[in-house]
C-alpha atoms as a PDB file:
ATOM      1  CA  UNK A   1      20.693  75.020 114.199  1.00  0.00           C
ATOM      2  CA  UNK A   2      22.527  77.657 112.176  1.00  0.00           C
ATOM      3  CA  UNK A   3      26.142  77.145 111.175  1.00  0.00           C
ATOM      4  CA  UNK A   4      28.817  78.631 108.962  1.00  0.00           C
ATOM      5  CA  UNK A   5      29.680  76.029 106.356  1.00  0.00           C
ATOM      6  CA  UNK A   6      32.683  75.969 104.070  1.00  0.00           C
ATOM      7  CA  UNK A   7      31.553  74.797 100.625  1.00  0.00           C
ATOM      8  CA  UNK A   8      34.723  75.751  98.746  1.00  0.00           C
ATOM      9  CA  UNK A   9      38.122  77.028  99.824  1.00  0.00           C
ATOM     10  CA  UNK A  10      38.340  80.796 100.265  1.00  0.00           C
ATOM     11  CA  UNK A  11      36.378  83.351 102.282  1.00  0.00           C
ATOM     12  CA  UNK A  12      33.761  83.476  99.535  1.00  0.00           C
ATOM     13  CA  UNK A  13      33.191  79.753 100.107  1.00  0.00           C
ATOM     14  CA  UNK A  14      31.718  80.398 103.573  1.00  0.00           C
ATOM     15  CA  UNK A  15      27.970  80.715 104.012  1.00  0.00           C
ATOM     16  CA  UNK A  16      25.445  80.410 106.841  1.00  0.00           C
ATOM     17  CA  UNK A  17      23.146  77.422 106.523  1.00  0.00           C
ATOM     18  CA  UNK A  18      20.588  75.479 108.531  1.00  0.00           C
ATOM     19  CA  UNK A  19      21.471  72.036 109.871  1.00  0.00           C
ATOM     20  CA  UNK A  20      19.748  69.567 112.141  1.00  0.00           C
ATOM     21  CA  UNK A  21      20.762  70.108 115.749  1.00  0.00           C
ATOM     22  CA  UNK A  22      22.792  67.038 116.772  1.00  0.00           C
ATOM     23  CA  UNK A  23      21.946  64.851 119.738  1.00  0.00           C
ATOM     24  CA  UNK A  24      24.745  64.014 122.178  1.00  0.00           C
ATOM     25  CA  UNK A  25      25.792  60.377 122.102  1.00  0.00           C
ATOM     26  CA  UNK A  26      26.965  58.321 125.059  1.00  0.00           C
ATOM     27  CA  UNK A  27      29.668  60.200 126.957  1.00  0.00           C
ATOM     28  CA  UNK A  28      28.910  63.444 125.128  1.00  0.00           C
ATOM     29  CA  UNK A  29      27.211  66.786 125.805  1.00  0.00           C
ATOM     30  CA  UNK A  30      25.458  69.254 123.514  1.00  0.00           C
ATOM     31  CA  UNK A  31      26.538  72.873 123.961  1.00  0.00           C
ATOM     32  CA  UNK A  32      24.617  75.967 122.919  1.00  0.00           C
ATOM     33  CA  UNK A  33      27.284  78.365 121.668  1.00  0.00           C
ATOM     34  CA  UNK A  34      27.837  81.721 123.352  1.00  0.00           C
ATOM     35  CA  UNK A  35      31.240  82.679 121.919  1.00  0.00           C
ATOM     36  CA  UNK A  36      33.915  81.417 119.522  1.00  0.00           C
ATOM     37  CA  UNK A  37      37.490  82.660 119.257  1.00  0.00           C
ATOM     38  CA  UNK A  38      39.470  82.481 116.030  1.00  0.00           C
ATOM     39  CA  UNK A  39      42.916  81.000 115.511  1.00  0.00           C
ATOM     40  CA  UNK A  40      45.213  81.384 112.519  1.00  0.00           C
ATOM     41  CA  UNK A  41      44.591  77.699 111.812  1.00  0.00           C
ATOM     42  CA  UNK A  42      40.930  78.533 111.163  1.00  0.00           C
ATOM     43  CA  UNK A  43      41.878  81.065 108.496  1.00  0.00           C
ATOM     44  CA  UNK A  44      44.277  78.614 106.864  1.00  0.00           C
ATOM     45  CA  UNK A  45      41.599  75.914 106.935  1.00  0.00           C
ATOM     46  CA  UNK A  46      39.073  78.196 105.224  1.00  0.00           C
ATOM     47  CA  UNK A  47      41.593  79.228 102.555  1.00  0.00           C
ATOM     48  CA  UNK A  48      42.623  75.639 101.831  1.00  0.00           C
ATOM     49  CA  UNK A  49      46.194  76.250 103.000  1.00  0.00           C
ATOM     50  CA  UNK A  50      46.039  74.002 106.056  1.00  0.00           C
ATOM     51  CA  UNK A  51      44.728  70.792 104.500  1.00  0.00           C
ATOM     52  CA  UNK A  52      43.951  70.916 100.800  1.00  0.00           C
ATOM     53  CA  UNK A  53      42.346  67.471 101.127  1.00  0.00           C
ATOM     54  CA  UNK A  54      39.915  68.570 103.863  1.00  0.00           C
ATOM     55  CA  UNK A  55      36.484  67.076 103.059  1.00  0.00           C
ATOM     56  CA  UNK A  56      33.853  69.714 102.308  1.00  0.00           C
ATOM     57  CA  UNK A  57      31.407  71.019 103.307  1.00  0.00           C
ATOM     58  CA  UNK A  58      32.608  71.479 106.872  1.00  0.00           C
ATOM     59  CA  UNK A  59      32.015  73.740 109.864  1.00  0.00           C
ATOM     60  CA  UNK A  60      35.245  75.571 110.800  1.00  0.00           C
ATOM     61  CA  UNK A  61      36.718  76.895 114.078  1.00  0.00           C
ATOM     62  CA  UNK A  62      37.915  75.000 117.123  1.00  0.00           C
ATOM     63  CA  UNK A  63      37.541  77.321 120.143  1.00  0.00           C
ATOM     64  CA  UNK A  64      34.039  77.501 121.564  1.00  0.00           C
ATOM     65  CA  UNK A  65      32.351  78.396 124.840  1.00  0.00           C
ATOM     66  CA  UNK A  66      28.722  77.895 125.757  1.00  0.00           C
ATOM     67  CA  UNK A  67      26.075  76.325 127.945  1.00  0.00           C
ATOM     68  CA  UNK A  68      25.361  72.608 128.201  1.00  0.00           C
ATOM     69  CA  UNK A  69      21.781  72.067 126.999  1.00  0.00           C
ATOM     70  CA  UNK A  70      21.678  68.243 126.726  1.00  0.00           C
ATOM     71  CA  UNK A  71      23.638  65.403 128.289  1.00  0.00           C
ATOM     72  CA  UNK A  72      24.168  61.950 126.784  1.00  0.00           C
ATOM     73  CA  UNK A  73      24.227  58.616 128.584  1.00  0.00           C
ATOM     74  CA  UNK A  74      27.062  57.741 130.939  1.00  0.00           C
ATOM     75  CA  UNK A  75      28.048  61.361 131.600  1.00  0.00           C
ATOM     76  CA  UNK A  76      29.013  62.362 135.122  1.00  0.00           C
ATOM     77  CA  UNK A  77      30.272  65.678 136.445  1.00  0.00           C
ATOM     78  CA  UNK A  78      28.364  67.782 133.918  1.00  0.00           C
ATOM     79  CA  UNK A  79      24.737  68.841 133.799  1.00  0.00           C
ATOM     80  CA  UNK A  80      22.412  71.102 131.855  1.00  0.00           C
ATOM     81  CA  UNK A  81      23.186  74.747 132.543  1.00  0.00           C
ATOM     82  CA  UNK A  82      26.948  74.277 133.087  1.00  0.00           C
ATOM     83  CA  UNK A  83      29.196  76.793 131.317  1.00  0.00           C
ATOM     84  CA  UNK A  84      31.951  74.978 129.419  1.00  0.00           C
ATOM     85  CA  UNK A  85      34.730  75.274 126.861  1.00  0.00           C
ATOM     86  CA  UNK A  86      35.862  72.480 124.571  1.00  0.00           C
ATOM     87  CA  UNK A  87      39.409  71.141 124.359  1.00  0.00           C
ATOM     88  CA  UNK A  88      40.960  71.468 120.909  1.00  0.00           C
ATOM     89  CA  UNK A  89      41.771  67.751 120.616  1.00  0.00           C
ATOM     90  CA  UNK A  90      38.857  65.879 122.094  1.00  0.00           C
ATOM     91  CA  UNK A  91      40.776  62.607 122.209  1.00  0.00           C
ATOM     92  CA  UNK A  92      44.031  63.798 123.847  1.00  0.00           C
ATOM     93  CA  UNK A  93      43.339  63.316 127.537  1.00  0.00           C
ATOM     94  CA  UNK A  94      46.944  63.275 128.753  1.00  0.00           C
ATOM     95  CA  UNK A  95      50.318  61.739 128.030  1.00  0.00           C
ATOM     96  CA  UNK A  96      52.445  61.934 124.874  1.00  0.00           C
ATOM     97  CA  UNK A  97      51.144  63.394 121.636  1.00  0.00           C
ATOM     98  CA  UNK A  98      50.334  60.755 119.000  1.00  0.00           C
ATOM     99  CA  UNK A  99      49.029  60.613 115.453  1.00  0.00           C
ATOM    100  CA  UNK A 100      45.698  59.182 116.595  1.00  0.00           C
ATOM    101  CA  UNK A 101      45.217  62.021 119.092  1.00  0.00           C
ATOM    102  CA  UNK A 102      45.950  64.563 116.366  1.00  0.00           C
ATOM    103  CA  UNK A 103      42.936  63.258 114.459  1.00  0.00           C
ATOM    104  CA  UNK A 104      40.447  64.356 117.117  1.00  0.00           C
ATOM    105  CA  UNK A 105      40.590  68.132 116.582  1.00  0.00           C
ATOM    106  CA  UNK A 106      37.531  70.368 116.438  1.00  0.00           C
ATOM    107  CA  UNK A 107      37.167  72.315 113.208  1.00  0.00           C
ATOM    108  CA  UNK A 108      39.150  69.722 111.275  1.00  0.00           C
ATOM    109  CA  UNK A 109      38.529  66.026 111.725  1.00  0.00           C
ATOM    110  CA  UNK A 110      35.522  66.875 113.929  1.00  0.00           C
ATOM    111  CA  UNK A 111      32.808  69.486 113.223  1.00  0.00           C
ATOM    112  CA  UNK A 112      33.826  72.947 114.386  1.00  0.00           C
ATOM    113  CA  UNK A 113      32.279  75.511 116.696  1.00  0.00           C
ATOM    114  CA  UNK A 114      31.055  78.174 114.245  1.00  0.00           C
ATOM    115  CA  UNK A 115      27.486  77.046 114.830  1.00  0.00           C
ATOM    116  CA  UNK A 116      24.727  77.766 117.304  1.00  0.00           C
ATOM    117  CA  UNK A 117      25.321  74.298 118.819  1.00  0.00           C
ATOM    118  CA  UNK A 118      28.224  71.854 118.950  1.00  0.00           C
ATOM    119  CA  UNK A 119      28.906  68.459 120.516  1.00  0.00           C
ATOM    120  CA  UNK A 120      31.777  67.726 122.906  1.00  0.00           C
ATOM    121  CA  UNK A 121      33.062  64.613 124.568  1.00  0.00           C
ATOM    122  CA  UNK A 122      32.262  65.045 128.253  1.00  0.00           C
ATOM    123  CA  UNK A 123      35.935  64.420 129.044  1.00  0.00           C
ATOM    124  CA  UNK A 124      36.847  67.281 126.695  1.00  0.00           C
ATOM    125  CA  UNK A 125      34.380  69.800 128.141  1.00  0.00           C
ATOM    126  CA  UNK A 126      35.930  71.951 130.873  1.00  0.00           C
ATOM    127  CA  UNK A 127      33.911  74.161 133.202  1.00  0.00           C
ATOM    128  CA  UNK A 128      34.470  77.907 132.873  1.00  0.00           C
ATOM    129  CA  UNK A 129      35.633  79.754 136.002  1.00  0.00           C
ATOM    130  CA  UNK A 130      32.967  82.083 137.354  1.00  0.00           C
ATOM    131  CA  UNK A 131      35.083  85.217 136.914  1.00  0.00           C
ATOM    132  CA  UNK A 132      35.407  84.793 133.141  1.00  0.00           C
ATOM    133  CA  UNK A 133      32.849  85.804 130.527  1.00  0.00           C
ATOM    134  CA  UNK A 134      31.984  83.477 127.662  1.00  0.00           C
ATOM    135  CA  UNK A 135      34.020  85.707 125.328  1.00  0.00           C
ATOM    136  CA  UNK A 136      37.101  85.490 127.567  1.00  0.00           C
ATOM    137  CA  UNK A 137      36.697  81.754 128.102  1.00  0.00           C
ATOM    138  CA  UNK A 138      36.462  81.105 124.363  1.00  0.00           C
ATOM    139  CA  UNK A 139      39.993  82.485 124.041  1.00  0.00           C
ATOM    140  CA  UNK A 140      41.487  79.690 126.182  1.00  0.00           C
ATOM    141  CA  UNK A 141      41.429  76.287 124.426  1.00  0.00           C
ATOM    142  CA  UNK A 142      44.151  76.861 121.805  1.00  0.00           C
ATOM    143  CA  UNK A 143      46.077  80.011 122.770  1.00  0.00           C
ATOM    144  CA  UNK A 144      46.328  79.363 126.504  1.00  0.00           C
ATOM    145  CA  UNK A 145      47.094  75.662 126.148  1.00  0.00           C
ATOM    146  CA  UNK A 146      49.754  76.353 123.507  1.00  0.00           C
ATOM    147  CA  UNK A 147      51.377  78.961 125.761  1.00  0.00           C
ATOM    148  CA  UNK A 148      51.200  76.679 128.796  1.00  0.00           C
ATOM    149  CA  UNK A 149      52.684  73.735 126.908  1.00  0.00           C
ATOM    150  CA  UNK A 150      55.482  75.913 125.516  1.00  0.00           C
ATOM    151  CA  UNK A 151      56.456  77.549 128.801  1.00  0.00           C
ATOM    152  CA  UNK A 152      55.938  74.955 131.499  1.00  0.00           C
ATOM    153  CA  UNK A 153      55.449  71.393 130.251  1.00  0.00           C
ATOM    154  CA  UNK A 154      58.991  70.647 129.048  1.00  0.00           C
ATOM    155  CA  UNK A 155      60.923  73.922 129.003  1.00  0.00           C
ATOM    156  CA  UNK A 156      59.758  74.818 132.548  1.00  0.00           C
ATOM    157  CA  UNK A 157      60.293  78.580 132.563  1.00  0.00           C
ATOM    158  CA  UNK A 158      61.177  79.763 136.074  1.00  0.00           C
ATOM    159  CA  UNK A 159      61.024  83.019 137.993  1.00  0.00           C
ATOM    160  CA  UNK A 160      63.868  85.330 137.013  1.00  0.00           C
ATOM    161  CA  UNK A 161      64.403  83.715 133.624  1.00  0.00           C
ATOM    162  CA  UNK A 162      63.738  85.517 130.341  1.00  0.00           C
ATOM    163  CA  UNK A 163      61.194  84.729 127.636  1.00  0.00           C
ATOM    164  CA  UNK A 164      61.013  86.301 124.179  1.00  0.00           C
ATOM    165  CA  UNK A 165      57.616  86.262 122.472  1.00  0.00           C
ATOM    166  CA  UNK A 166      57.110  87.204 118.843  1.00  0.00           C
ATOM    167  CA  UNK A 167      54.146  89.385 117.988  1.00  0.00           C
ATOM    168  CA  UNK A 168      50.924  90.114 119.822  1.00  0.00           C
ATOM    169  CA  UNK A 169      48.557  87.388 118.682  1.00  0.00           C
ATOM    170  CA  UNK A 170      46.540  85.244 121.051  1.00  0.00           C
ATOM    171  CA  UNK A 171      49.195  82.704 122.066  1.00  0.00           C
ATOM    172  CA  UNK A 172      51.938  85.332 122.359  1.00  0.00           C
ATOM    173  CA  UNK A 173      49.883  87.629 124.580  1.00  0.00           C
ATOM    174  CA  UNK A 174      48.759  84.731 126.758  1.00  0.00           C
ATOM    175  CA  UNK A 175      52.385  83.563 127.075  1.00  0.00           C
ATOM    176  CA  UNK A 176      53.304  87.069 128.226  1.00  0.00           C
ATOM    177  CA  UNK A 177      50.580  86.967 130.885  1.00  0.00           C
ATOM    178  CA  UNK A 178      51.526  83.489 132.125  1.00  0.00           C
ATOM    179  CA  UNK A 179      55.257  84.219 132.201  1.00  0.00           C
ATOM    180  CA  UNK A 180      54.762  87.538 133.990  1.00  0.00           C
ATOM    181  CA  UNK A 181      52.639  85.812 136.639  1.00  0.00           C
ATOM    182  CA  UNK A 182      55.417  83.245 137.087  1.00  0.00           C
ATOM    183  CA  UNK A 183      57.988  85.982 137.730  1.00  0.00           C
ATOM    184  CA  UNK A 184      59.808  85.714 134.399  1.00  0.00           C
ATOM    185  CA  UNK A 185      61.059  88.704 132.407  1.00  0.00           C
ATOM    186  CA  UNK A 186      59.364  88.974 129.016  1.00  0.00           C
ATOM    187  CA  UNK A 187      60.739  90.598 125.861  1.00  0.00           C
ATOM    188  CA  UNK A 188      58.135  91.247 123.152  1.00  0.00           C
ATOM    189  CA  UNK A 189      58.671  92.000 119.463  1.00  0.00           C
ATOM    190  CA  UNK A 190      56.185  93.734 117.175  1.00  0.00           C
ATOM    191  CA  UNK A 191      56.116  96.130 114.221  1.00  0.00           C
ATOM    192  CA  UNK A 192      53.654  98.407 116.063  1.00  0.00           C
ATOM    193  CA  UNK A 193      54.727 100.787 118.830  1.00  0.00           C
ATOM    194  CA  UNK A 194      51.101 101.040 119.959  1.00  0.00           C
ATOM    195  CA  UNK A 195      50.899  97.268 120.408  1.00  0.00           C
ATOM    196  CA  UNK A 196      54.235  97.230 122.222  1.00  0.00           C
ATOM    197  CA  UNK A 197      52.915  99.843 124.635  1.00  0.00           C
ATOM    198  CA  UNK A 198      49.959  97.579 125.366  1.00  0.00           C
ATOM    199  CA  UNK A 199      52.289  94.670 126.113  1.00  0.00           C
ATOM    200  CA  UNK A 200      54.181  96.826 128.609  1.00  0.00           C
ATOM    201  CA  UNK A 201      50.865  97.522 130.333  1.00  0.00           C
ATOM    202  CA  UNK A 202      50.440  93.730 130.614  1.00  0.00           C
ATOM    203  CA  UNK A 203      53.845  93.365 132.269  1.00  0.00           C
ATOM    204  CA  UNK A 204      56.363  93.084 129.423  1.00  0.00           C
ATOM    205  CA  UNK A 205      59.906  93.820 130.630  1.00  0.00           C
ATOM    206  CA  UNK A 206      61.284  95.067 127.297  1.00  0.00           C
ATOM    207  CA  UNK A 207      59.735  95.800 123.908  1.00  0.00           C
ATOM    208  CA  UNK A 208      61.491  95.736 120.517  1.00  0.00           C
ATOM    209  CA  UNK A 209      60.042  97.106 117.273  1.00  0.00           C
ATOM    210  CA  UNK A 210      61.434  94.720 114.671  1.00  0.00           C
ATOM    211  CA  UNK A 211      60.930  97.229 111.840  1.00  0.00           C
ATOM    212  CA  UNK A 212      63.019  99.958 113.439  1.00  0.00           C
ATOM    213  CA  UNK A 213      65.370  97.314 114.903  1.00  0.00           C
ATOM    214  CA  UNK A 214      65.748  94.719 112.112  1.00  0.00           C
ATOM    215  CA  UNK A 215      68.447  92.816 114.020  1.00  0.00           C
ATOM    216  CA  UNK A 216      66.131  92.295 116.949  1.00  0.00           C
ATOM    217  CA  UNK A 217      67.735  88.982 117.891  1.00  0.00           C
ATOM    218  CA  UNK A 218      71.046  90.651 118.652  1.00  0.00           C
ATOM    219  CA  UNK A 219      69.193  93.445 120.464  1.00  0.00           C
ATOM    220  CA  UNK A 220      67.450  90.929 122.715  1.00  0.00           C
ATOM    221  CA  UNK A 221      70.747  89.179 123.430  1.00  0.00           C
ATOM    222  CA  UNK A 222      72.313  92.480 124.475  1.00  0.00           C
ATOM    223  CA  UNK A 223      69.336  93.416 126.660  1.00  0.00           C
ATOM    224  CA  UNK A 224      69.684  90.164 128.578  1.00  0.00           C
ATOM    225  CA  UNK A 225      73.464  90.107 128.753  1.00  0.00           C
ATOM    226  CA  UNK A 226      73.933  86.861 126.892  1.00  0.00           C
ATOM    227  CA  UNK A 227      70.589  85.726 125.520  1.00  0.00           C
ATOM    228  CA  UNK A 228      67.077  84.782 126.551  1.00  0.00           C
ATOM    229  CA  UNK A 229      66.274  81.438 128.139  1.00  0.00           C
ATOM    230  CA  UNK A 230      63.282  80.668 125.922  1.00  0.00           C
ATOM    231  CA  UNK A 231      61.868  81.932 122.619  1.00  0.00           C
ATOM    232  CA  UNK A 232      58.234  81.456 121.600  1.00  0.00           C
ATOM    233  CA  UNK A 233      58.742  81.112 117.844  1.00  0.00           C
ATOM    234  CA  UNK A 234      55.688  81.934 115.722  1.00  0.00           C
ATOM    235  CA  UNK A 235      57.411  82.960 112.496  1.00  0.00           C
ATOM    236  CA  UNK A 236      59.069  79.662 111.619  1.00  0.00           C
ATOM    237  CA  UNK A 237      62.053  79.475 109.273  1.00  0.00           C
ATOM    238  CA  UNK A 238      61.579  83.136 108.314  1.00  0.00           C
ATOM    239  CA  UNK A 239      62.456  84.336 111.828  1.00  0.00           C
ATOM    240  CA  UNK A 240      64.405  81.379 113.208  1.00  0.00           C
ATOM    241  CA  UNK A 241      67.807  82.952 112.534  1.00  0.00           C
ATOM    242  CA  UNK A 242      66.858  85.986 114.637  1.00  0.00           C
ATOM    243  CA  UNK A 243      65.583  83.706 117.407  1.00  0.00           C
ATOM    244  CA  UNK A 244      68.879  81.826 117.364  1.00  0.00           C
ATOM    245  CA  UNK A 245      70.694  85.131 117.746  1.00  0.00           C
ATOM    246  CA  UNK A 246      68.457  86.004 120.704  1.00  0.00           C
ATOM    247  CA  UNK A 247      68.602  82.725 122.634  1.00  0.00           C
ATOM    248  CA  UNK A 248      71.398  81.908 125.049  1.00  0.00           C
ATOM    249  CA  UNK A 249      73.787  78.981 124.709  1.00  0.00           C
ATOM    250  CA  UNK A 250      71.862  75.868 125.716  1.00  0.00           C
ATOM    251  CA  UNK A 251      68.576  77.785 125.574  1.00  0.00           C
ATOM    252  CA  UNK A 252      65.207  76.706 124.222  1.00  0.00           C
ATOM    253  CA  UNK A 253      63.152  77.661 121.168  1.00  0.00           C
ATOM    254  CA  UNK A 254      59.571  76.412 121.011  1.00  0.00           C
ATOM    255  CA  UNK A 255      58.105  76.473 117.502  1.00  0.00           C
ATOM    256  CA  UNK A 256      54.332  77.022 117.466  1.00  0.00           C
ATOM    257  CA  UNK A 257      53.768  78.727 114.110  1.00  0.00           C
ATOM    258  CA  UNK A 258      55.093  79.364 110.628  1.00  0.00           C
ATOM    259  CA  UNK A 259      53.800  82.850 109.833  1.00  0.00           C
ATOM    260  CA  UNK A 260      56.869  84.557 108.377  1.00  0.00           C
ATOM    261  CA  UNK A 261      58.026  84.334 104.773  1.00  0.00           C
ATOM    262  CA  UNK A 262      60.819  81.764 104.661  1.00  0.00           C
ATOM    263  CA  UNK A 263      64.113  83.313 103.567  1.00  0.00           C
ATOM    264  CA  UNK A 264      67.563  81.745 103.541  1.00  0.00           C
ATOM    265  CA  UNK A 265      68.490  78.311 104.811  1.00  0.00           C
ATOM    266  CA  UNK A 266      68.017  76.614 108.143  1.00  0.00           C
ATOM    267  CA  UNK A 267      71.044  77.745 110.203  1.00  0.00           C
ATOM    268  CA  UNK A 268      71.992  74.266 111.349  1.00  0.00           C
ATOM    269  CA  UNK A 269      75.563  75.219 112.293  1.00  0.00           C
ATOM    270  CA  UNK A 270      74.330  77.889 114.699  1.00  0.00           C
ATOM    271  CA  UNK A 271      71.872  75.460 116.286  1.00  0.00           C
ATOM    272  CA  UNK A 272      74.704  72.999 116.848  1.00  0.00           C
ATOM    273  CA  UNK A 273      77.234  75.583 117.997  1.00  0.00           C
ATOM    274  CA  UNK A 274      74.925  77.114 120.599  1.00  0.00           C
ATOM    275  CA  UNK A 275      73.507  73.776 121.720  1.00  0.00           C
ATOM    276  CA  UNK A 276      69.952  75.065 121.294  1.00  0.00           C
ATOM    277  CA  UNK A 277      66.939  72.885 122.094  1.00  0.00           C
ATOM    278  CA  UNK A 278      64.243  73.345 119.432  1.00  0.00           C
ATOM    279  CA  UNK A 279      60.818  71.795 120.038  1.00  0.00           C
ATOM    280  CA  UNK A 280      57.691  71.882 117.941  1.00  0.00           C
ATOM    281  CA  UNK A 281      54.282  71.558 119.536  1.00  0.00           C
ATOM    282  CA  UNK A 282      50.670  71.396 118.438  1.00  0.00           C
ATOM    283  CA  UNK A 283      48.448  72.952 121.124  1.00  0.00           C
ATOM    284  CA  UNK A 284      48.156  70.388 123.948  1.00  0.00           C
ATOM    285  CA  UNK A 285      46.103  67.924 125.955  1.00  0.00           C
ATOM    286  CA  UNK A 286      42.912  68.148 127.975  1.00  0.00           C
ATOM    287  CA  UNK A 287      45.057  67.865 131.130  1.00  0.00           C
ATOM    288  CA  UNK A 288      47.020  70.934 130.006  1.00  0.00           C
ATOM    289  CA  UNK A 289      43.776  72.843 129.464  1.00  0.00           C
ATOM    290  CA  UNK A 290      42.656  71.998 132.993  1.00  0.00           C
ATOM    291  CA  UNK A 291      46.038  73.011 134.391  1.00  0.00           C
ATOM    292  CA  UNK A 292      46.207  76.370 132.616  1.00  0.00           C
ATOM    293  CA  UNK A 293      42.618  77.226 133.552  1.00  0.00           C
ATOM    294  CA  UNK A 294      43.430  76.480 137.210  1.00  0.00           C
ATOM    295  CA  UNK A 295      46.629  78.556 137.027  1.00  0.00           C
ATOM    296  CA  UNK A 296      44.918  81.527 135.410  1.00  0.00           C
ATOM    297  CA  UNK A 297      42.120  81.330 137.979  1.00  0.00           C
ATOM    298  CA  UNK A 298      44.595  81.336 140.859  1.00  0.00           C
ATOM    299  CA  UNK A 299      46.189  84.507 139.448  1.00  0.00           C
ATOM    300  CA  UNK A 300      42.914  86.088 138.228  1.00  0.00           C
ATOM    301  CA  UNK A 301      44.338  86.319 134.692  1.00  0.00           C
ATOM    302  CA  UNK A 302      41.838  87.380 132.048  1.00  0.00           C
ATOM    303  CA  UNK A 303      42.491  86.484 128.409  1.00  0.00           C
ATOM    304  CA  UNK A 304      42.868  89.554 126.202  1.00  0.00           C
ATOM    305  CA  UNK A 305      40.004  89.940 123.731  1.00  0.00           C
ATOM    306  CA  UNK A 306      41.196  92.479 121.199  1.00  0.00           C
ATOM    307  CA  UNK A 307      38.174  92.509 118.880  1.00  0.00           C
ATOM    308  CA  UNK A 308      34.603  91.186 118.956  1.00  0.00           C
ATOM    309  CA  UNK A 309      32.196  90.475 116.108  1.00  0.00           C
ATOM    310  CA  UNK A 310      28.646  89.191 115.825  1.00  0.00           C
ATOM    311  CA  UNK A 311      28.077  85.714 114.394  1.00  0.00           C
ATOM    312  CA  UNK A 312      26.904  87.140 111.070  1.00  0.00           C
ATOM    313  CA  UNK A 313      30.161  89.163 110.823  1.00  0.00           C
ATOM    314  CA  UNK A 314      32.420  86.106 110.933  1.00  0.00           C
ATOM    315  CA  UNK A 315      33.900  86.772 107.489  1.00  0.00           C
ATOM    316  CA  UNK A 316      34.854  90.300 108.611  1.00  0.00           C
ATOM    317  CA  UNK A 317      36.517  88.746 111.668  1.00  0.00           C
ATOM    318  CA  UNK A 318      38.522  86.395 109.449  1.00  0.00           C
ATOM    319  CA  UNK A 319      39.597  89.347 107.306  1.00  0.00           C
ATOM    320  CA  UNK A 320      40.925  91.075 110.416  1.00  0.00           C
ATOM    321  CA  UNK A 321      42.821  87.892 111.284  1.00  0.00           C
ATOM    322  CA  UNK A 322      44.258  87.874 107.762  1.00  0.00           C
ATOM    323  CA  UNK A 323      45.405  91.502 108.047  1.00  0.00           C
ATOM    324  CA  UNK A 324      47.262  90.895 111.316  1.00  0.00           C
ATOM    325  CA  UNK A 325      45.810  94.073 112.772  1.00  0.00           C
ATOM    326  CA  UNK A 326      44.459  92.492 115.940  1.00  0.00           C
ATOM    327  CA  UNK A 327      45.911  92.369 119.468  1.00  0.00           C
ATOM    328  CA  UNK A 328      45.181  89.264 121.499  1.00  0.00           C
ATOM    329  CA  UNK A 329      42.160  87.228 120.477  1.00  0.00           C
ATOM    330  CA  UNK A 330      39.386  87.824 117.946  1.00  0.00           C
ATOM    331  CA  UNK A 331      36.047  86.635 119.297  1.00  0.00           C
ATOM    332  CA  UNK A 332      32.675  85.893 117.638  1.00  0.00           C
ATOM    333  CA  UNK A 333      29.654  86.583 119.848  1.00  0.00           C
ATOM    334  CA  UNK A 334      26.433  84.536 119.670  1.00  0.00           C
END
């Protein structure tokens, strides 16, 4: 099989090589890759900013969709020819998140999906709904599960409530789609008016350009007459103060990223004064993937693929991810 291998940290450390095609072990399936979607984690992994102790060489990327071409012993419910996606953490079936479960991620502890074939645990291989293409399905395992976990697994966003999402990356756009389908009002922030227009076409209630409105947290609070119920925080410490300004008293902030440059100190007094619930999460379980796929199918929601590249153009795709110029998901076609 052919695979992108990381031999040294940095984009120039990636190269296509030939490897032996693996055989599926007991309880596993072998998938022939049709599409891979990129996450910011993949870029950080390649650049050595995610885990500087990551053993090399390694095959990056965690989101993959393809066709089952071989089935190991003791596998039921899957057969050759099935279209599947792989869960990000192959060992997190359900229940609370634990350290051991965190060590079963594709494109990290386990070989990634940037290859013509990859192996999945049968329990971590989910069938693709008929209405989705391979490219659309590849966008689900991390972005959709992260959005689902953030909105509905503990915070439980309800119809009529208000969600603020930062930016227009894969998880943020998917959160907008899920929240809109659930009847929530969604406020979106971005530095691009063109991107904000696209979010309105997807159902955003209000759009705020954070360059022309630098105090966007206060603006969101005024729009909602007291603050949003839930913030999807992708910036981290660099944007947390604005999120605290935006959220209502007793509201929720779910931290899923750390993209912004950290400035100032953690505003602990404001967190205490407003009684804000802040939760960090790391994608989610196989059960969550099944649940979000079923929900999106019932509402005919299609993941937004903002840019597509051929397998050989993977480095160009990572450069687009690095620039932040994409909308929705970046997908590699095989």
